[in-house]
Amino acid sequence: MKVRSWLSTCSTTTSTSTATSSATASHTKSPLSDTTSIQTNSSSSSIQSNLSLLTLPSLPSLQKLTLSPENPSATATLLSSLEPNHRTHINFLTLHNNLLYAASGNKINVYDTITNTVVDTFNVEKSSNTGSVKSIAFSNGRIFTAHQDCRIRVWKLTNLENIGPQTLSVTHGFTKKQHKPIATLPTLQDRLRRFVLPQNYVSVRRHKKKLWIEHHDAVSGLAPHQNAVVSVSWDRSVKIWQPQEMKCLESITKAHDDAINAVVLSKDGSIIFTGSADKRIKVWKKEEKKFGLVSTLEKHKSAVNALALGFDGSVLYSGSCDRSILVWEREDSANYMVVTGALRGHGKAILCLINVRDLLLSGSGDRTVRIWQRGGGGDGRYCCLTVLDGHRAPVRSVAALDTAEGGGVKVFSGSFDGEIRVWQVEVS
């Protein structure tokens, strides 16, 4: 079965509770106009309406069931709706140097975050054989993109400032950017260096072998660090790449029992967290020169689709097809995470998670984005500050930019119908 993400497991999740499905259907939001600027205020009724979802009933709910004036609130304003010329699934959104990178099908659209205008669109030699772009990462001035054709491609960004007037394109006063391909991982040199020795090959299926530096299924995620880029794949492997020399340093060939959907890396690069369709989260720690398994986190009831680390690295969030977000905290007496509870409210699978400042943003198959904040009372409780709705398809990816003005955050949400919505969220 080729597709191993949330689409392959949601049917089994929703069938576990018919009462929940009916409650969710009655609460479906109507689509909003693409051009209308709206404001969405968090309210007690809208936020509590889905708290009856009985996902993972054995785990305590961490969100506050009642809202009081002392709790923080948020106001969200829809600023714009971005729709690429080619309307295909938005697979991934990320921000870098005031640019928004949006992976849409096999292309990547780059937007200026101030003007919301396209400054570049690039893909691989206009070829459709690469499949969808699954993830984007940045390391040492280079852009790394993960593709469905089992490859990782490396790009270099240049500003077209010293080119003649015939080729220079300026949009609203901003010089056009251009992304040029510089390598494909694994590189030809890396493969030639290893192809002779039999011990460099691993069995990928019956009567078929590949070099251990190669992925043999879609590369589903990337996690960057200053001295490394970690890739995960539906082939169940984890690989660590050296970004300067662009070579594979290490591979964990059978990291999970099923496809790996998500990966995050600690700030110092010494710990890798991977989430898989096998319902597990695994923690890998670098010991001497190699990464080794130190913990397996098992609480989800279906595929793990998304992971995010808190701003200080002490809290891990995981989202799954079981519609829950689990909160894992580092235990003082151990070197791994323990689950402390669940955040509930989404009506369908959790597809993406990001952490910005003290805010957790979650996108779901129920076509909404929820913004969570941990309370300051020390009780570990969370508030759902607001719900961003209006998408006409599942929200596949979310990115956010700290505007550094009060409690403001600029949020970008991309859905399976190809639309990117731009929101300004003010937290008070």
Protein backbone atom coordinates (compact mmCIF):
# COMPACT_ATOMS: atom_id res chain seq x y z
CA MET A 1 0.00 0.00 0.00
CA LYS A 2 1.65 3.16 -1.21
CA VAL A 3 -0.11 5.83 0.86
CA ARG A 4 0.67 5.25 4.51
CA SER A 5 -0.19 8.60 6.05
CA TRP A 6 -3.40 9.74 7.78
CA LEU A 7 -5.59 8.90 4.75
CA SER A 8 -4.95 5.18 5.18
CA THR A 9 -5.96 5.07 8.84
CA CYS A 10 -8.66 7.67 9.40
CA SER A 11 -11.43 5.28 8.42
CA THR A 12 -10.50 2.91 11.24
CA THR A 13 -10.29 5.77 13.70
CA THR A 14 -13.66 7.31 12.93
CA SER A 15 -15.40 3.97 13.05
CA THR A 16 -14.53 3.51 16.72
CA SER A 17 -17.14 5.99 17.88
CA THR A 18 -20.33 6.55 15.90
CA ALA A 19 -21.61 8.95 18.54
CA THR A 20 -18.55 11.11 18.07
CA SER A 21 -18.98 11.15 14.29
CA SER A 22 -22.53 12.41 14.53
CA ALA A 23 -21.58 15.09 17.03
CA THR A 24 -18.78 16.26 14.77
CA ALA A 25 -20.97 16.34 11.66
CA SER A 26 -23.47 18.64 13.37
CA HIS A 27 -20.68 21.09 14.14
CA THR A 28 -19.27 21.43 10.60
CA LYS A 29 -18.40 25.01 9.68
CA SER A 30 -19.49 26.60 6.41
CA PRO A 31 -16.75 27.78 4.01
CA LEU A 32 -15.81 31.45 4.05
CA SER A 33 -15.39 33.77 1.10
CA ASP A 34 -11.85 33.90 -0.28
CA THR A 35 -11.78 37.69 -0.36
CA THR A 36 -13.60 38.58 2.83
CA SER A 37 -11.64 39.83 5.82
CA ILE A 38 -13.11 38.29 8.97
CA GLN A 39 -12.50 38.24 12.68
CA THR A 40 -12.83 35.11 14.81
CA ASN A 41 -13.04 35.56 18.58
CA SER A 42 -12.50 32.69 20.95
CA SER A 43 -15.68 31.94 22.85
CA SER A 44 -16.67 29.51 25.52
CA SER A 45 -19.31 27.83 23.37
CA SER A 46 -17.24 27.31 20.20
CA ILE A 47 -14.17 26.01 22.00
CA GLN A 48 -16.04 23.65 24.30
CA SER A 49 -18.35 22.28 21.62
CA ASN A 50 -16.00 19.44 20.69
CA LEU A 51 -14.80 18.54 24.17
CA SER A 52 -17.13 15.55 24.18
CA LEU A 53 -14.85 13.70 21.74
CA LEU A 54 -13.88 10.59 23.63
CA THR A 55 -10.45 10.02 22.07
CA LEU A 56 -8.06 8.05 24.29
CA PRO A 57 -10.39 8.18 27.33
CA SER A 58 -7.69 6.66 29.54
CA LEU A 59 -5.65 9.88 29.35
CA PRO A 60 -6.70 13.03 31.22
CA SER A 61 -7.67 16.12 29.23
CA LEU A 62 -5.26 19.01 29.76
CA GLN A 63 -7.43 21.80 28.37
CA LYS A 64 -9.52 23.94 30.68
CA LEU A 65 -13.20 23.09 30.35
CA THR A 66 -14.40 26.55 31.32
CA LEU A 67 -13.08 29.91 30.25
CA SER A 68 -12.72 32.71 32.79
CA PRO A 69 -11.72 36.37 32.39
CA GLU A 70 -8.30 35.52 33.80
CA ASN A 71 -7.56 33.17 30.91
CA PRO A 72 -5.84 34.56 27.80
CA SER A 73 -7.85 35.03 24.61
CA ALA A 74 -7.05 35.59 20.96
CA THR A 75 -8.52 37.45 18.01
CA ALA A 76 -7.83 36.18 14.49
CA THR A 77 -8.20 38.24 11.34
CA LEU A 78 -8.09 36.73 7.85
CA LEU A 79 -5.67 38.91 5.88
CA SER A 80 -5.44 37.16 2.55
CA SER A 81 -6.03 34.00 0.58
CA LEU A 82 -3.22 32.77 -1.69
CA GLU A 83 -4.05 30.41 -4.51
CA PRO A 84 -1.27 29.15 -6.79
CA ASN A 85 -1.84 28.98 -10.55
CA HIS A 86 -1.69 25.19 -10.37
CA ARG A 87 -4.26 24.14 -7.78
CA THR A 88 -2.86 21.00 -6.21
CA HIS A 89 -2.48 19.83 -2.62
CA ILE A 90 -0.48 22.00 -0.25
CA ASN A 91 1.84 19.42 1.26
CA PHE A 92 4.14 21.59 3.34
CA LEU A 93 4.61 25.20 4.51
CA THR A 94 7.67 26.68 6.15
CA LEU A 95 9.24 30.10 6.72
CA HIS A 96 12.80 31.28 6.19
CA ASN A 97 14.21 34.83 6.05
CA ASN A 98 10.78 36.45 5.62
CA LEU A 99 9.94 34.07 2.78
CA LEU A 100 7.13 31.53 2.80
CA TYR A 101 7.93 28.25 1.03
CA ALA A 102 4.82 26.35 -0.07
CA ALA A 103 5.17 22.84 -1.49
CA SER A 104 2.29 22.30 -3.89
CA GLY A 105 2.40 19.07 -5.83
CA ASN A 106 5.86 18.79 -7.39
CA LYS A 107 6.46 22.56 -7.30
CA ILE A 108 7.54 24.99 -4.61
CA ASN A 109 6.10 28.50 -4.57
CA VAL A 110 8.01 31.16 -2.66
CA TYR A 111 6.08 34.16 -1.29
CA ASP A 112 7.25 37.38 0.26
CA THR A 113 5.59 37.45 3.69
CA ILE A 114 5.15 41.24 3.66
CA THR A 115 3.41 41.63 0.31
CA ASN A 116 2.10 38.03 -0.01
CA THR A 117 3.35 38.00 -3.61
CA VAL A 118 5.16 35.17 -5.41
CA VAL A 119 8.89 35.85 -5.82
CA ASP A 120 9.83 32.47 -7.30
CA THR A 121 8.44 29.10 -8.35
CA PHE A 122 10.78 26.17 -8.85
CA ASN A 123 10.76 22.43 -9.42
CA VAL A 124 13.05 19.75 -10.83
CA GLU A 125 13.67 20.41 -14.52
CA LYS A 126 9.94 20.68 -15.12
CA SER A 127 9.67 16.96 -14.55
CA SER A 128 6.58 15.30 -13.12
CA ASN A 129 8.42 12.09 -12.27
CA THR A 130 9.69 13.43 -8.96
CA GLY A 131 6.26 13.18 -7.33
CA SER A 132 5.09 15.48 -4.56
CA VAL A 133 7.41 17.58 -2.42
CA LYS A 134 6.92 16.28 1.11
CA SER A 135 9.11 18.55 3.24
CA ILE A 136 11.51 21.52 3.12
CA ALA A 137 14.44 22.33 5.42
CA PHE A 138 17.23 24.91 5.61
CA SER A 139 20.83 24.38 6.69
CA ASN A 140 24.04 26.31 6.07
CA GLY A 141 22.51 28.61 3.48
CA ARG A 142 21.05 25.75 1.44
CA ILE A 143 17.51 24.53 0.89
CA PHE A 144 16.78 20.80 1.17
CA THR A 145 13.59 19.35 -0.31
CA ALA A 146 12.20 15.84 0.26
CA HIS A 147 10.44 14.15 -2.65
CA GLN A 148 8.17 11.23 -3.27
CA ASP A 149 10.69 9.73 -5.72
CA CYS A 150 12.93 8.74 -2.76
CA ARG A 151 15.36 11.64 -3.33
CA ILE A 152 16.46 14.72 -1.41
CA ARG A 153 17.38 17.73 -3.52
CA VAL A 154 19.58 20.63 -2.56
CA TRP A 155 19.07 24.19 -3.80
CA LYS A 156 20.87 27.51 -3.59
CA LEU A 157 19.07 30.85 -3.36
CA THR A 158 20.37 33.77 -5.41
CA ASN A 159 19.14 37.35 -5.70
CA LEU A 160 18.83 38.56 -9.29
CA GLU A 161 20.26 42.00 -8.55
CA ASN A 162 23.14 42.18 -11.02
CA ILE A 163 21.34 40.99 -14.13
CA GLY A 164 20.31 43.12 -17.10
CA PRO A 165 16.90 44.81 -17.26
CA GLN A 166 15.52 42.24 -19.71
CA THR A 167 15.73 39.43 -17.17
CA LEU A 168 15.36 41.29 -13.90
CA SER A 169 11.89 41.00 -12.43
CA VAL A 170 10.76 43.20 -9.58
CA THR A 171 7.49 42.73 -7.74
CA HIS A 172 6.27 45.61 -5.56
CA GLY A 173 9.81 46.82 -5.05
CA PHE A 174 11.26 43.43 -4.11
CA THR A 175 13.93 41.83 -6.25
CA LYS A 176 12.97 38.47 -7.71
CA LYS A 177 14.59 35.41 -6.12
CA GLN A 178 15.86 32.38 -7.96
CA HIS A 179 16.49 28.90 -6.63
CA LYS A 180 19.05 26.80 -8.48
CA PRO A 181 19.57 23.05 -7.98
CA ILE A 182 23.08 22.12 -6.88
CA ALA A 183 22.82 18.44 -5.86
CA THR A 184 20.63 15.37 -5.42
CA LEU A 185 21.12 13.17 -2.36
CA PRO A 186 22.68 10.72 -2.30
CA THR A 187 25.17 12.29 -4.68
CA LEU A 188 26.78 10.39 -7.51
CA GLN A 189 30.16 10.64 -5.76
CA ASP A 190 28.74 9.16 -2.57
CA ARG A 191 27.21 6.24 -4.47
CA LEU A 192 30.34 5.54 -6.51
CA ARG A 193 32.40 5.50 -3.34
CA ARG A 194 30.28 2.73 -1.84
CA PHE A 195 28.81 0.63 -4.66
CA VAL A 196 31.69 -1.88 -4.88
CA LEU A 197 31.62 -3.35 -1.37
CA PRO A 198 28.78 -5.84 -0.64
CA GLN A 199 28.48 -4.69 2.98
CA ASN A 200 27.22 -1.32 1.77
CA TYR A 201 23.98 -2.90 0.55
CA VAL A 202 20.80 -3.65 2.50
CA SER A 203 17.80 -5.77 1.50
CA VAL A 204 14.75 -3.66 0.76
CA ARG A 205 12.51 -6.48 -0.43
CA ARG A 206 12.86 -10.01 -1.69
CA HIS A 207 15.68 -10.30 -4.24
CA LYS A 208 16.31 -6.56 -4.22
CA LYS A 209 19.05 -4.61 -2.51
CA LYS A 210 20.04 -0.95 -2.33
CA LEU A 211 22.90 1.05 -0.92
CA TRP A 212 22.30 1.92 2.73
CA ILE A 213 22.68 5.62 1.88
CA GLU A 214 19.58 5.49 -0.37
CA HIS A 215 15.93 5.79 0.57
CA HIS A 216 13.75 3.35 -1.36
CA ASP A 217 10.36 4.96 -0.70
CA ALA A 218 9.00 8.49 -0.37
CA VAL A 219 11.05 10.81 1.85
CA SER A 220 8.34 12.06 4.20
CA GLY A 221 10.17 14.49 6.48
CA LEU A 222 13.31 16.54 7.12
CA ALA A 223 14.70 18.00 10.34
CA PRO A 224 17.59 20.47 10.01
CA HIS A 225 20.45 21.37 12.30
CA GLN A 226 23.60 23.39 11.85
CA ASN A 227 25.74 20.30 11.33
CA ALA A 228 23.18 17.76 10.15
CA VAL A 229 19.96 17.17 8.27
CA VAL A 230 17.84 14.21 9.35
CA SER A 231 15.54 12.53 6.83
CA VAL A 232 12.78 9.98 7.42
CA SER A 233 10.92 7.90 4.90
CA TRP A 234 8.02 5.58 4.28
CA ASP A 235 10.74 2.93 3.90
CA ARG A 236 10.93 3.01 7.76
CA SER A 237 14.48 4.34 7.83
CA VAL A 238 16.18 7.38 9.39
CA LYS A 239 19.24 8.90 7.73
CA ILE A 240 21.62 11.61 8.91
CA TRP A 241 23.28 13.82 6.29
CA GLN A 242 26.25 16.16 6.47
CA PRO A 243 24.95 19.38 4.84
CA GLN A 244 28.31 20.92 3.90
CA GLU A 245 29.76 17.87 2.15
CA MET A 246 26.28 16.54 1.26
CA LYS A 247 27.00 12.94 2.19
CA CYS A 248 25.17 10.38 4.29
CA LEU A 249 26.80 9.82 7.67
CA GLU A 250 24.50 7.25 9.23
CA SER A 251 21.38 5.21 8.55
CA ILE A 252 18.94 3.43 10.86
CA THR A 253 17.39 1.02 8.38
CA LYS A 254 14.49 -0.46 10.38
CA ALA A 255 13.70 2.34 12.78
CA HIS A 256 9.95 1.54 12.87
CA ASP A 257 7.57 -1.24 11.91
CA ASP A 258 5.69 0.96 9.42
CA ALA A 259 6.10 4.18 7.46
CA ILE A 260 7.66 7.14 9.29
CA ASN A 261 5.53 10.28 8.93
CA ALA A 262 7.22 12.88 11.16
CA VAL A 263 10.56 13.88 12.64
CA VAL A 264 11.83 16.64 14.93
CA LEU A 265 15.30 17.35 16.24
CA SER A 266 16.37 18.79 19.59
CA LYS A 267 18.05 22.20 19.59
CA ASP A 268 21.52 20.77 20.15
CA GLY A 269 20.98 18.07 17.52
CA SER A 270 21.65 15.21 19.92
CA ILE A 271 18.11 13.76 20.12
CA ILE A 272 15.83 12.70 17.25
CA PHE A 273 12.09 12.09 17.68
CA THR A 274 10.30 10.05 15.00
CA GLY A 275 6.57 9.36 14.63
CA SER A 276 5.23 6.47 12.58
CA ALA A 277 2.16 4.78 11.17
CA ASP A 278 2.95 1.97 13.63
CA LYS A 279 1.41 4.26 16.33
CA ARG A 280 4.74 4.74 18.08
CA ILE A 281 7.10 7.61 18.75
CA LYS A 282 10.75 6.69 19.11
CA VAL A 283 13.50 8.69 20.76
CA TRP A 284 17.03 8.39 19.40
CA LYS A 285 20.03 9.82 21.22
CA LYS A 286 23.55 10.28 19.95
CA GLU A 287 25.97 8.16 21.92
CA GLU A 288 29.58 8.76 20.92
CA LYS A 289 29.29 8.79 17.11
CA LYS A 290 26.03 6.92 16.46
CA PHE A 291 22.37 7.42 17.30
CA GLY A 292 20.78 4.72 19.43
CA LEU A 293 17.22 4.04 20.57
CA VAL A 294 16.64 5.23 24.14
CA SER A 295 12.86 5.16 24.41
CA THR A 296 9.65 4.10 22.65
CA LEU A 297 6.55 6.17 23.45
CA GLU A 298 3.31 4.20 23.04
CA LYS A 299 -0.06 5.81 23.79
CA HIS A 300 -1.61 6.66 20.43
CA LYS A 301 -4.25 4.33 19.01
CA SER A 302 -3.52 5.04 15.33
CA ALA A 303 -0.86 6.50 13.04
CA VAL A 304 1.27 9.38 14.34
CA ASN A 305 1.22 12.14 11.72
CA ALA A 306 2.90 15.14 13.36
CA LEU A 307 5.43 16.07 16.05
CA ALA A 308 6.48 19.38 17.56
CA LEU A 309 8.85 20.37 20.36
CA GLY A 310 8.13 23.14 22.85
CA PHE A 311 10.26 26.28 22.68
CA ASP A 312 12.59 25.04 25.46
CA GLY A 313 12.68 21.43 24.26
CA SER A 314 11.23 19.99 27.46
CA VAL A 315 7.77 19.25 26.03
CA LEU A 316 6.93 17.09 23.01
CA TYR A 317 3.56 17.26 21.22
CA SER A 318 2.30 14.46 18.98
CA GLY A 319 -0.73 14.42 16.70
CA SER A 320 -2.45 11.33 15.38
CA CYS A 321 -5.36 9.95 13.40
CA ASP A 322 -7.03 9.25 16.74
CA ARG A 323 -7.87 13.03 16.78
CA SER A 324 -5.84 13.70 19.90
CA ILE A 325 -2.73 15.74 20.63
CA LEU A 326 -0.67 14.07 23.32
CA VAL A 327 1.59 16.10 25.59
CA TRP A 328 4.85 14.45 26.66
CA GLU A 329 7.15 16.01 29.27
CA ARG A 330 10.67 15.17 30.25
CA GLU A 331 10.74 13.21 33.48
CA ASP A 332 13.33 14.40 35.99
CA SER A 333 14.32 10.89 37.01
CA ALA A 334 14.60 9.57 33.45
CA ASN A 335 16.15 10.49 30.15
CA TYR A 336 12.97 10.36 28.11
CA MET A 337 9.44 11.72 27.88
CA VAL A 338 6.33 10.57 29.74
CA VAL A 339 2.77 11.40 28.67
CA THR A 340 0.95 13.87 30.90
CA GLY A 341 -2.36 14.14 29.08
CA ALA A 342 -4.20 14.94 25.86
CA LEU A 343 -5.57 17.99 24.08
CA ARG A 344 -8.93 17.24 22.49
CA GLY A 345 -11.24 19.22 20.27
CA HIS A 346 -10.45 18.38 16.67
CA GLY A 347 -13.08 16.28 14.93
CA LYS A 348 -10.72 14.44 12.59
CA ALA A 349 -7.09 13.41 12.25
CA ILE A 350 -4.33 15.77 13.38
CA LEU A 351 -2.23 16.44 10.28
CA CYS A 352 0.30 19.07 11.42
CA LEU A 353 1.73 20.68 14.55
CA ILE A 354 4.05 23.64 15.08
CA ASN A 355 5.20 25.53 18.15
CA VAL A 356 5.81 29.28 18.05
CA ARG A 357 6.83 31.07 21.25
CA ASP A 358 4.44 29.68 23.86
CA LEU A 359 1.75 28.79 21.32
CA LEU A 360 0.94 25.39 19.83
CA LEU A 361 -0.85 25.37 16.46
CA SER A 362 -2.60 22.25 15.17
CA GLY A 363 -4.12 21.63 11.74
CA SER A 364 -6.62 18.87 11.13
CA GLY A 365 -8.69 16.93 8.66
CA ASP A 366 -11.71 18.74 10.11
CA ARG A 367 -10.54 21.81 8.07
CA THR A 368 -9.66 23.93 11.11
CA VAL A 369 -6.56 25.23 12.88
CA ARG A 370 -6.58 25.44 16.66
CA ILE A 371 -4.25 27.63 18.70
CA TRP A 372 -3.35 26.40 22.19
CA GLN A 373 -1.49 28.07 25.04
CA ARG A 374 -0.34 26.63 28.32
CA GLY A 375 -1.69 28.43 31.37
CA GLY A 376 0.58 30.15 33.83
CA GLY A 377 -0.87 28.54 36.93
CA GLY A 378 1.62 25.69 37.02
CA ASP A 379 -1.13 23.07 36.74
CA GLY A 380 -0.14 22.02 33.21
CA ARG A 381 -3.51 23.06 31.80
CA TYR A 382 -3.93 24.45 28.27
CA CYS A 383 -6.39 26.92 26.79
CA CYS A 384 -7.65 26.71 23.22
CA LEU A 385 -7.40 30.41 22.42
CA THR A 386 -9.19 30.38 19.09
CA VAL A 387 -10.23 28.23 16.15
CA LEU A 388 -9.37 29.29 12.60
CA ASP A 389 -11.95 27.91 10.20
CA GLY A 390 -13.00 28.53 6.62
CA HIS A 391 -10.83 26.07 4.71
CA ARG A 392 -12.78 23.90 2.27
CA ALA A 393 -10.43 20.91 2.61
CA PRO A 394 -8.24 19.33 5.32
CA VAL A 395 -5.46 21.58 6.65
CA ARG A 396 -2.24 19.79 5.77
CA SER A 397 0.40 22.27 6.98
CA VAL A 398 0.76 25.37 9.14
CA ALA A 399 3.56 27.93 9.50
CA ALA A 400 3.72 30.95 11.79
CA LEU A 401 5.80 34.09 12.08
CA ASP A 402 6.29 35.93 15.36
CA THR A 403 5.53 39.56 14.50
CA ALA A 404 7.32 40.78 17.66
CA GLU A 405 4.55 43.32 18.24
CA GLY A 406 2.77 42.60 21.49
CA GLY A 407 1.42 39.06 21.28
CA GLY A 408 0.95 39.04 17.52
CA VAL A 409 1.57 36.01 15.31
CA LYS A 410 1.12 35.80 11.54
CA VAL A 411 -0.23 32.37 10.64
CA PHE A 412 -0.19 30.63 7.25
CA SER A 413 -2.41 27.56 6.80
CA GLY A 414 -2.43 25.38 3.68
CA SER A 415 -5.09 22.85 2.72
CA PHE A 416 -5.57 20.00 0.29
CA ASP A 417 -7.52 22.20 -2.15
CA GLY A 418 -4.40 24.28 -2.83
CA GLU A 419 -5.42 27.36 -0.84
CA ILE A 420 -3.13 29.15 1.63
CA ARG A 421 -4.84 31.39 4.15
CA VAL A 422 -2.97 34.19 5.90
CA TRP A 423 -4.12 35.18 9.40
CA GLN A 424 -3.08 37.77 11.95
CA VAL A 425 -3.61 36.44 15.46
CA GLU A 426 -3.42 38.76 18.47
CA VAL A 427 -3.12 37.16 21.89
CA SER A 428 -4.19 39.14 24.93
